[in-house]
Amino acid sequence: MSDTNIKEIVVAAIDFGTTFSGYAYSWREEYLQDPLKIYANRWEGETLLQAPTVVLFNSDETESYFGFEAENKYAELIEEDEHKKLALFPKVQNGSS
């Protein structure tokens, strides 16, 4: 396979954890020069690099939310008593009793 048409290559890692999930990436050329030059997401308004492993869908599957946004949206809808037609898939609690 010829890579003559490839302009940029990204190396990416995705971590789907039981409690938190996140991702990181590096441009191939930057990685070859400095393997420690890695980019990771900063969730808006949060200091963590990972977000809670939580997904929220509305009943007709036209909207979806992930992580902090899913938790915040669900809490908002509970206050408005509009959460009953949503599907929330929460993070797994390890070692819960």
Protein backbone atom coordinates (compact mmCIF):
# COMPACT_ATOMS: atom_id res chain seq x y z
CA MET A 1 0.00 0.00 0.00
CA SER A 2 1.43 3.35 -1.03
CA ASP A 3 1.17 6.20 1.43
CA THR A 4 1.76 8.93 -1.15
CA ASN A 5 -1.77 10.32 -0.65
CA ILE A 6 -1.65 10.22 3.14
CA LYS A 7 -1.04 13.71 4.49
CA GLU A 8 -1.09 13.06 8.23
CA ILE A 9 -1.26 10.00 10.45
CA VAL A 10 -2.67 10.02 13.96
CA VAL A 11 -1.90 7.43 16.60
CA ALA A 12 -4.83 7.20 19.03
CA ALA A 13 -5.68 5.32 22.21
CA ILE A 14 -9.17 4.90 23.66
CA ASP A 15 -9.71 3.67 27.20
CA PHE A 16 -13.24 2.46 27.96
CA GLY A 17 -13.05 1.86 31.68
CA THR A 18 -15.66 0.60 34.10
CA THR A 19 -15.71 3.92 35.98
CA PHE A 20 -13.97 6.46 33.74
CA SER A 21 -13.11 6.59 30.03
CA GLY A 22 -10.83 8.77 28.00
CA TYR A 23 -8.65 9.08 24.97
CA ALA A 24 -5.26 10.37 23.92
CA TYR A 25 -3.56 10.87 20.60
CA SER A 26 -0.35 11.93 18.95
CA TRP A 27 0.52 12.97 15.43
CA ARG A 28 2.87 10.36 13.97
CA GLU A 29 5.57 12.83 12.96
CA GLU A 30 5.55 14.48 16.42
CA TYR A 31 5.63 11.05 18.07
CA LEU A 32 8.69 10.05 16.07
CA GLN A 33 10.46 13.21 17.27
CA ASP A 34 9.19 13.09 20.87
CA PRO A 35 7.24 10.00 22.03
CA LEU A 36 6.07 11.86 25.13
CA LYS A 37 4.25 14.55 23.14
CA ILE A 38 0.71 13.26 23.67
CA TYR A 39 -2.58 15.13 23.51
CA ALA A 40 -5.58 14.31 25.68
CA ASN A 41 -9.05 15.78 25.97
CA ARG A 42 -9.96 18.34 28.62
CA TRP A 43 -13.67 18.06 29.38
CA GLU A 44 -15.31 21.46 29.53
CA GLY A 45 -15.43 22.73 33.11
CA GLU A 46 -13.56 19.70 34.47
CA THR A 47 -9.98 19.10 35.53
CA LEU A 48 -9.95 15.37 34.81
CA LEU A 49 -8.62 13.91 31.58
CA GLN A 50 -11.21 11.14 31.75
CA ALA A 51 -14.99 11.33 31.94
CA PRO A 52 -17.38 9.02 33.78
CA THR A 53 -18.32 6.00 31.68
CA VAL A 54 -21.99 6.98 31.44
CA VAL A 55 -24.19 7.21 28.34
CA LEU A 56 -27.64 8.82 28.16
CA PHE A 57 -30.10 8.38 25.25
CA ASN A 58 -33.53 9.92 24.81
CA SER A 59 -36.45 7.61 23.97
CA ASP A 60 -36.35 8.14 20.20
CA GLU A 61 -32.53 7.95 20.08
CA THR A 62 -32.17 11.36 18.44
CA GLU A 63 -30.03 12.75 21.25
CA SER A 64 -27.23 11.22 23.24
CA TYR A 65 -24.84 12.40 25.92
CA PHE A 66 -21.63 10.97 27.32
CA GLY A 67 -19.69 11.38 30.55
CA PHE A 68 -20.12 14.54 32.59
CA GLU A 69 -22.65 15.87 30.08
CA ALA A 70 -24.81 12.72 30.52
CA GLU A 71 -24.72 12.96 34.31
CA ASN A 72 -25.53 16.68 34.29
CA LYS A 73 -28.34 16.33 31.73
CA TYR A 74 -29.92 13.44 33.64
CA ALA A 75 -29.79 15.37 36.94
CA GLU A 76 -31.41 18.36 35.21
CA LEU A 77 -34.19 16.16 33.77
CA ILE A 78 -34.83 14.50 37.15
CA GLU A 79 -35.41 17.96 38.67
CA GLU A 80 -37.92 18.68 35.89
CA ASP A 81 -39.46 15.17 36.25
CA GLU A 82 -38.74 14.51 32.56
CA HIS A 83 -36.27 11.65 32.97
CA LYS A 84 -38.61 8.66 32.72
CA LYS A 85 -38.39 8.24 28.93
CA LEU A 86 -34.60 8.23 28.88
CA ALA A 87 -32.14 5.36 28.93
CA LEU A 88 -29.19 5.97 31.23
CA PHE A 89 -26.36 3.47 31.18
CA PRO A 90 -24.33 4.24 34.31
CA LYS A 91 -20.80 3.32 35.18
CA VAL A 92 -20.20 -0.03 36.84
CA GLN A 93 -19.49 0.10 40.55
CA ASN A 94 -16.77 -2.42 41.39
CA GLY A 95 -16.85 -3.88 44.86
CA SER A 96 -20.20 -2.32 45.75
CA SER A 97 -22.14 -3.92 48.53
